[in-house]
C-alpha atoms as a PDB file:
ATOM      1  CA  MET A   1      92.600 156.234  41.017  1.00  0.00           C
ATOM      2  CA  ASN A   2      89.176 156.671  42.217  1.00  0.00           C
ATOM      3  CA  VAL A   3      87.381 154.856  44.724  1.00  0.00           C
ATOM      4  CA  ARG A   4      85.600 152.086  43.007  1.00  0.00           C
ATOM      5  CA  GLN A   5      89.725 150.985  41.747  1.00  0.00           C
ATOM      6  CA  PHE A   6      90.998 151.283  45.417  1.00  0.00           C
ATOM      7  CA  ALA A   7      88.363 148.723  46.661  1.00  0.00           C
ATOM      8  CA  LEU A   8      88.842 146.201  43.652  1.00  0.00           C
ATOM      9  CA  THR A   9      92.866 146.706  44.378  1.00  0.00           C
ATOM     10  CA  ALA A  10      92.660 146.569  48.212  1.00  0.00           C
ATOM     11  CA  LEU A  11      90.138 143.489  47.588  1.00  0.00           C
ATOM     12  CA  ALA A  12      92.977 141.464  45.406  1.00  0.00           C
ATOM     13  CA  PHE A  13      95.518 141.841  47.995  1.00  0.00           C
ATOM     14  CA  ALA A  14      92.770 140.592  50.598  1.00  0.00           C
ATOM     15  CA  PHE A  15      92.107 137.367  48.511  1.00  0.00           C
ATOM     16  CA  SER A  16      95.812 136.923  47.000  1.00  0.00           C
ATOM     17  CA  GLY A  17      97.072 136.132  51.125  1.00  0.00           C
ATOM     18  CA  LEU A  18      94.253 133.152  50.829  1.00  0.00           C
ATOM     19  CA  VAL A  19      95.351 131.530  47.922  1.00  0.00           C
ATOM     20  CA  ALA A  20      98.359 128.958  48.081  1.00  0.00           C
ATOM     21  CA  PRO A  21     101.439 129.060  45.657  1.00  0.00           C
ATOM     22  CA  PRO A  22     101.400 125.890  43.819  1.00  0.00           C
ATOM     23  CA  ALA A  23     102.958 122.876  45.639  1.00  0.00           C
ATOM     24  CA  ARG A  24     107.063 122.314  44.416  1.00  0.00           C
ATOM     25  CA  ALA A  25     108.382 118.979  44.060  1.00  0.00           C
ATOM     26  CA  GLN A  26     110.344 118.080  47.009  1.00  0.00           C
ATOM     27  CA  GLU A  27     113.805 116.573  46.468  1.00  0.00           C
ATOM     28  CA  TYR A  28     115.258 113.979  48.586  1.00  0.00           C
ATOM     29  CA  ALA A  29     118.652 112.471  49.230  1.00  0.00           C
ATOM     30  CA  LEU A  30     118.896 108.508  50.911  1.00  0.00           C
ATOM     31  CA  ASP A  31     119.390 108.294  54.686  1.00  0.00           C
ATOM     32  CA  THR A  32     121.922 105.367  54.301  1.00  0.00           C
ATOM     33  CA  THR A  33     121.512 104.590  57.768  1.00  0.00           C
ATOM     34  CA  HIS A  34     117.722 103.865  56.961  1.00  0.00           C
ATOM     35  CA  THR A  35     117.822 102.048  53.104  1.00  0.00           C
ATOM     36  CA  ALA A  36     118.536  98.827  52.828  1.00  0.00           C
ATOM     37  CA  VAL A  37     117.981  96.654  49.486  1.00  0.00           C
ATOM     38  CA  THR A  38     117.755  92.673  50.776  1.00  0.00           C
ATOM     39  CA  PHE A  39     117.348  89.795  48.229  1.00  0.00           C
ATOM     40  CA  GLN A  40     116.249  86.355  49.011  1.00  0.00           C
ATOM     41  CA  ILE A  41     117.325  83.178  46.770  1.00  0.00           C
ATOM     42  CA  SER A  42     116.389  79.279  46.998  1.00  0.00           C
ATOM     43  CA  HIS A  43     119.535  76.890  47.651  1.00  0.00           C
ATOM     44  CA  LEU A  44     118.166  73.618  46.330  1.00  0.00           C
ATOM     45  CA  GLY A  45     114.553  74.245  47.110  1.00  0.00           C
ATOM     46  CA  LEU A  46     115.151  73.413  50.610  1.00  0.00           C
ATOM     47  CA  SER A  47     115.579  76.863  52.152  1.00  0.00           C
ATOM     48  CA  TRP A  48     116.451  80.250  51.152  1.00  0.00           C
ATOM     49  CA  THR A  49     119.827  82.232  51.507  1.00  0.00           C
ATOM     50  CA  HIS A  50     119.585  85.966  52.205  1.00  0.00           C
ATOM     51  CA  GLY A  51     121.605  88.605  51.578  1.00  0.00           C
ATOM     52  CA  ARG A  52     121.828  92.370  50.814  1.00  0.00           C
ATOM     53  CA  PHE A  53     124.275  95.644  49.518  1.00  0.00           C
ATOM     54  CA  LYS A  54     125.809  97.230  52.210  1.00  0.00           C
ATOM     55  CA  ASP A  55     126.648 100.187  49.820  1.00  0.00           C
ATOM     56  CA  VAL A  56     123.683 102.187  48.683  1.00  0.00           C
ATOM     57  CA  SER A  57     123.239 105.998  47.506  1.00  0.00           C
ATOM     58  CA  GLY A  58     120.352 107.477  45.599  1.00  0.00           C
ATOM     59  CA  SER A  59     117.599 109.995  45.781  1.00  0.00           C
ATOM     60  CA  PHE A  60     114.191 111.038  44.786  1.00  0.00           C
ATOM     61  CA  LYS A  61     111.758 113.442  44.333  1.00  0.00           C
ATOM     62  CA  ILE A  62     108.162 113.992  45.466  1.00  0.00           C
ATOM     63  CA  ASP A  63     105.399 115.530  43.002  1.00  0.00           C
ATOM     64  CA  ALA A  64     102.364 115.772  45.041  1.00  0.00           C
ATOM     65  CA  ALA A  65     100.642 118.133  42.349  1.00  0.00           C
ATOM     66  CA  ASN A  66     102.264 116.001  39.671  1.00  0.00           C
ATOM     67  CA  PRO A  67     103.206 112.284  40.651  1.00  0.00           C
ATOM     68  CA  ALA A  68     104.143 111.553  36.912  1.00  0.00           C
ATOM     69  CA  ALA A  69     107.033 114.330  37.879  1.00  0.00           C
ATOM     70  CA  THR A  70     108.453 112.123  40.622  1.00  0.00           C
ATOM     71  CA  SER A  71     111.223 110.127  40.021  1.00  0.00           C
ATOM     72  CA  PHE A  72     113.466 107.368  41.692  1.00  0.00           C
ATOM     73  CA  ALA A  73     117.138 106.684  41.335  1.00  0.00           C
ATOM     74  CA  ILE A  74     118.974 103.813  43.482  1.00  0.00           C
ATOM     75  CA  LEU A  75     122.129 102.748  43.272  1.00  0.00           C
ATOM     76  CA  ALA A  76     124.563  99.723  44.795  1.00  0.00           C
ATOM     77  CA  LYS A  77     127.730  98.749  44.810  1.00  0.00           C
ATOM     78  CA  ALA A  78     128.191  95.453  43.429  1.00  0.00           C
ATOM     79  CA  ASP A  79     131.126  94.437  45.715  1.00  0.00           C
ATOM     80  CA  SER A  80     129.421  95.590  48.732  1.00  0.00           C
ATOM     81  CA  VAL A  81     126.883  92.505  48.211  1.00  0.00           C
ATOM     82  CA  ASP A  82     126.797  90.224  51.939  1.00  0.00           C
ATOM     83  CA  THR A  83     125.416  86.742  52.917  1.00  0.00           C
ATOM     84  CA  ASP A  84     127.156  87.016  55.962  1.00  0.00           C
ATOM     85  CA  ASN A  85     129.631  84.094  54.457  1.00  0.00           C
ATOM     86  CA  VAL A  86     133.234  85.324  53.460  1.00  0.00           C
ATOM     87  CA  LYS A  87     133.760  82.425  50.994  1.00  0.00           C
ATOM     88  CA  ARG A  88     130.182  82.659  48.928  1.00  0.00           C
ATOM     89  CA  ASP A  89     130.528  86.739  49.185  1.00  0.00           C
ATOM     90  CA  GLU A  90     134.062  85.870  47.087  1.00  0.00           C
ATOM     91  CA  HIS A  91     132.004  83.709  45.072  1.00  0.00           C
ATOM     92  CA  LEU A  92     129.269  86.122  44.143  1.00  0.00           C
ATOM     93  CA  ARG A  93     131.447  88.740  43.539  1.00  0.00           C
ATOM     94  CA  GLY A  94     133.507  86.967  40.559  1.00  0.00           C
ATOM     95  CA  PRO A  95     132.709  86.131  37.221  1.00  0.00           C
ATOM     96  CA  ASP A  96     129.702  83.460  37.996  1.00  0.00           C
ATOM     97  CA  PHE A  97     127.215  85.529  39.342  1.00  0.00           C
ATOM     98  CA  PHE A  98     128.020  89.906  39.399  1.00  0.00           C
ATOM     99  CA  ASP A  99     131.053  90.138  37.977  1.00  0.00           C
ATOM    100  CA  THR A 100     132.088  92.965  40.178  1.00  0.00           C
ATOM    101  CA  ARG A 101     135.168  93.949  37.980  1.00  0.00           C
ATOM    102  CA  GLN A 102     133.463  94.328  35.071  1.00  0.00           C
ATOM    103  CA  ASN A 103     130.037  95.581  36.309  1.00  0.00           C
ATOM    104  CA  PRO A 104     130.822  97.901  39.676  1.00  0.00           C
ATOM    105  CA  ALA A 105     127.074  98.979  40.519  1.00  0.00           C
ATOM    106  CA  LEU A 106     123.468  97.937  39.595  1.00  0.00           C
ATOM    107  CA  GLY A 107     120.882 100.780  39.870  1.00  0.00           C
ATOM    108  CA  PHE A 108     117.271 101.224  39.099  1.00  0.00           C
ATOM    109  CA  ARG A 109     116.042 104.328  37.588  1.00  0.00           C
ATOM    110  CA  SER A 110     112.284 105.460  36.966  1.00  0.00           C
ATOM    111  CA  THR A 111     110.815 106.539  33.817  1.00  0.00           C
ATOM    112  CA  SER A 112     107.029 106.337  34.811  1.00  0.00           C
ATOM    113  CA  VAL A 113     105.512 106.991  38.430  1.00  0.00           C
ATOM    114  CA  LYS A 114     102.015 106.624  38.893  1.00  0.00           C
ATOM    115  CA  PRO A 115      99.617 106.821  42.127  1.00  0.00           C
ATOM    116  CA  LEU A 116      98.239 104.319  43.906  1.00  0.00           C
ATOM    117  CA  ASP A 117      96.421 103.717  47.531  1.00  0.00           C
ATOM    118  CA  GLY A 118      99.248 104.742  49.864  1.00  0.00           C
ATOM    119  CA  GLY A 119     102.139 104.885  47.443  1.00  0.00           C
ATOM    120  CA  TYR A 120     103.242 104.753  43.561  1.00  0.00           C
ATOM    121  CA  GLN A 121     103.683 102.141  41.149  1.00  0.00           C
ATOM    122  CA  VAL A 122     106.563 102.572  39.680  1.00  0.00           C
ATOM    123  CA  THR A 123     108.435 101.539  36.156  1.00  0.00           C
ATOM    124  CA  GLY A 124     111.727 101.882  35.523  1.00  0.00           C
ATOM    125  CA  ASP A 125     115.010 100.656  34.555  1.00  0.00           C
ATOM    126  CA  LEU A 126     116.700  98.006  36.108  1.00  0.00           C
ATOM    127  CA  THR A 127     120.534  97.801  35.597  1.00  0.00           C
ATOM    128  CA  LEU A 128     121.980  94.330  36.892  1.00  0.00           C
ATOM    129  CA  HIS A 129     125.276  92.215  35.652  1.00  0.00           C
ATOM    130  CA  GLY A 130     125.769  94.777  32.755  1.00  0.00           C
ATOM    131  CA  VAL A 131     121.993  94.090  31.510  1.00  0.00           C
ATOM    132  CA  THR A 132     119.499  96.696  31.872  1.00  0.00           C
ATOM    133  CA  LYS A 133     115.542  95.745  31.453  1.00  0.00           C
ATOM    134  CA  PRO A 134     112.224  96.991  32.780  1.00  0.00           C
ATOM    135  CA  ILE A 135     110.222  96.202  36.187  1.00  0.00           C
ATOM    136  CA  THR A 136     107.797  97.645  37.751  1.00  0.00           C
ATOM    137  CA  VAL A 137     107.646  97.872  41.716  1.00  0.00           C
ATOM    138  CA  ASN A 138     104.461  98.991  43.910  1.00  0.00           C
ATOM    139  CA  LEU A 139     105.941 101.454  46.592  1.00  0.00           C
ATOM    140  CA  HIS A 140     104.515 102.049  49.456  1.00  0.00           C
ATOM    141  CA  GLY A 141     104.961 104.788  52.216  1.00  0.00           C
ATOM    142  CA  GLY A 142     104.976 108.497  51.757  1.00  0.00           C
ATOM    143  CA  LYS A 143     104.349 109.456  55.741  1.00  0.00           C
ATOM    144  CA  THR A 144     106.587 112.261  56.583  1.00  0.00           C
ATOM    145  CA  ALA A 145     108.414 112.903  60.075  1.00  0.00           C
ATOM    146  CA  GLU A 146     110.772 115.409  60.840  1.00  0.00           C
ATOM    147  CA  PHE A 147     113.506 114.122  63.076  1.00  0.00           C
ATOM    148  CA  PRO A 148     115.528 115.047  64.208  1.00  0.00           C
ATOM    149  CA  LYS A 149     114.314 118.801  64.362  1.00  0.00           C
ATOM    150  CA  GLY A 150     114.683 120.551  61.494  1.00  0.00           C
ATOM    151  CA  VAL A 151     115.269 117.437  59.114  1.00  0.00           C
ATOM    152  CA  HIS A 152     112.253 116.607  57.273  1.00  0.00           C
ATOM    153  CA  ARG A 153     112.174 113.077  55.776  1.00  0.00           C
ATOM    154  CA  THR A 154     109.967 110.670  54.125  1.00  0.00           C
ATOM    155  CA  GLY A 155     110.012 106.605  53.069  1.00  0.00           C
ATOM    156  CA  PHE A 156     108.926 103.677  50.739  1.00  0.00           C
ATOM    157  CA  SER A 157     109.050 100.188  50.996  1.00  0.00           C
ATOM    158  CA  GLY A 158     108.408  97.972  47.935  1.00  0.00           C
ATOM    159  CA  GLU A 159     109.099  93.976  46.721  1.00  0.00           C
ATOM    160  CA  PHE A 160     109.524  93.020  43.069  1.00  0.00           C
ATOM    161  CA  LYS A 161     111.085  89.446  42.001  1.00  0.00           C
ATOM    162  CA  ILE A 162     113.569  89.130  38.962  1.00  0.00           C
ATOM    163  CA  LYS A 163     115.204  86.224  37.198  1.00  0.00           C
ATOM    164  CA  ARG A 164     118.898  86.199  37.160  1.00  0.00           C
ATOM    165  CA  SER A 165     119.496  84.356  34.077  1.00  0.00           C
ATOM    166  CA  GLU A 166     117.246  86.996  32.392  1.00  0.00           C
ATOM    167  CA  PHE A 167     120.151  89.336  33.419  1.00  0.00           C
ATOM    168  CA  GLY A 168     123.003  87.082  32.447  1.00  0.00           C
ATOM    169  CA  MET A 169     123.901  85.319  35.636  1.00  0.00           C
ATOM    170  CA  ASP A 170     123.027  81.688  34.603  1.00  0.00           C
ATOM    171  CA  LYS A 171     125.664  79.653  36.546  1.00  0.00           C
ATOM    172  CA  MET A 172     124.558  77.043  39.005  1.00  0.00           C
ATOM    173  CA  LEU A 173     120.789  77.246  38.106  1.00  0.00           C
ATOM    174  CA  GLU A 174     120.846  73.825  39.191  1.00  0.00           C
ATOM    175  CA  ALA A 175     121.383  74.338  42.799  1.00  0.00           C
ATOM    176  CA  ILE A 176     120.612  78.059  43.514  1.00  0.00           C
ATOM    177  CA  GLY A 177     117.042  79.229  42.242  1.00  0.00           C
ATOM    178  CA  ASP A 178     116.707  81.401  39.261  1.00  0.00           C
ATOM    179  CA  GLU A 179     114.069  83.454  40.709  1.00  0.00           C
ATOM    180  CA  VAL A 180     115.374  86.168  43.015  1.00  0.00           C
ATOM    181  CA  HIS A 181     113.112  87.902  45.351  1.00  0.00           C
ATOM    182  CA  VAL A 182     114.270  92.053  46.295  1.00  0.00           C
ATOM    183  CA  THR A 183     113.276  94.141  49.215  1.00  0.00           C
ATOM    184  CA  VAL A 184     113.933  97.987  48.687  1.00  0.00           C
ATOM    185  CA  SER A 185     113.490 100.211  52.044  1.00  0.00           C
ATOM    186  CA  PHE A 186     114.279 103.549  52.334  1.00  0.00           C
ATOM    187  CA  GLU A 187     114.154 106.861  53.619  1.00  0.00           C
ATOM    188  CA  GLY A 188     115.259 110.361  52.094  1.00  0.00           C
ATOM    189  CA  THR A 189     116.024 113.147  54.060  1.00  0.00           C
ATOM    190  CA  HIS A 190     115.141 116.945  52.397  1.00  0.00           C
ATOM    191  CA  LYS A 191     117.662 118.333  50.154  1.00  0.00           C
END
C-alpha cells in the first residue's frame, strides 16, 4: 500500500465515525398501567354515560426515518367493559350490545400511517361486535421519557367517533345514542 492509498484509507476510517448508522424502528409494548380506552354515549339526549375497557393490550412500532412503516395495534377484551354499574355492564356484555360470548375482543390495527404536526394520522381497521370497518384517528404525542431508569417509553392520545349501528349494535337507539365518542391514551415501553 503506497502513501496515498494509506492516507485515503485513514481518511475513510476517520469519517466513518462521523456518519451515523440509519435509525432503526423502535418497538414498544403497551404499558397497561398507563393505557386507557374510554368512551361516552348519550342517554336520552340528557346526559353522558361514560365507560372504559379494563383489559387492554397491544404494541406499536415507531419508525422515525420512514413513518409509513410505523404501526399500531390495540386489543381490548369485550367483557372488561366497565361503566361503574353492575347491572348495566351485564346488559352490555349480552346479545343486545357487545355479545361477548360471540365477540370476545375488539381491536384496532393500523393499515396506513402519515406524519402530522405533533403525531401521526393513523388509518386502520376497527373490529367491534364482529364487524370490521376502516377509521382514521389523529394520534398526538410521541415525546419520550426514561422512567424508571433504563425503561424507555413514549405515548400518544387520540379521539374519534363511531356509529354503533354501523357495527351491528343497533338496539335501544331511541334511548341510547348511536354516536359513540372514543378516547385512547397509551404509553409503550421499549421491547
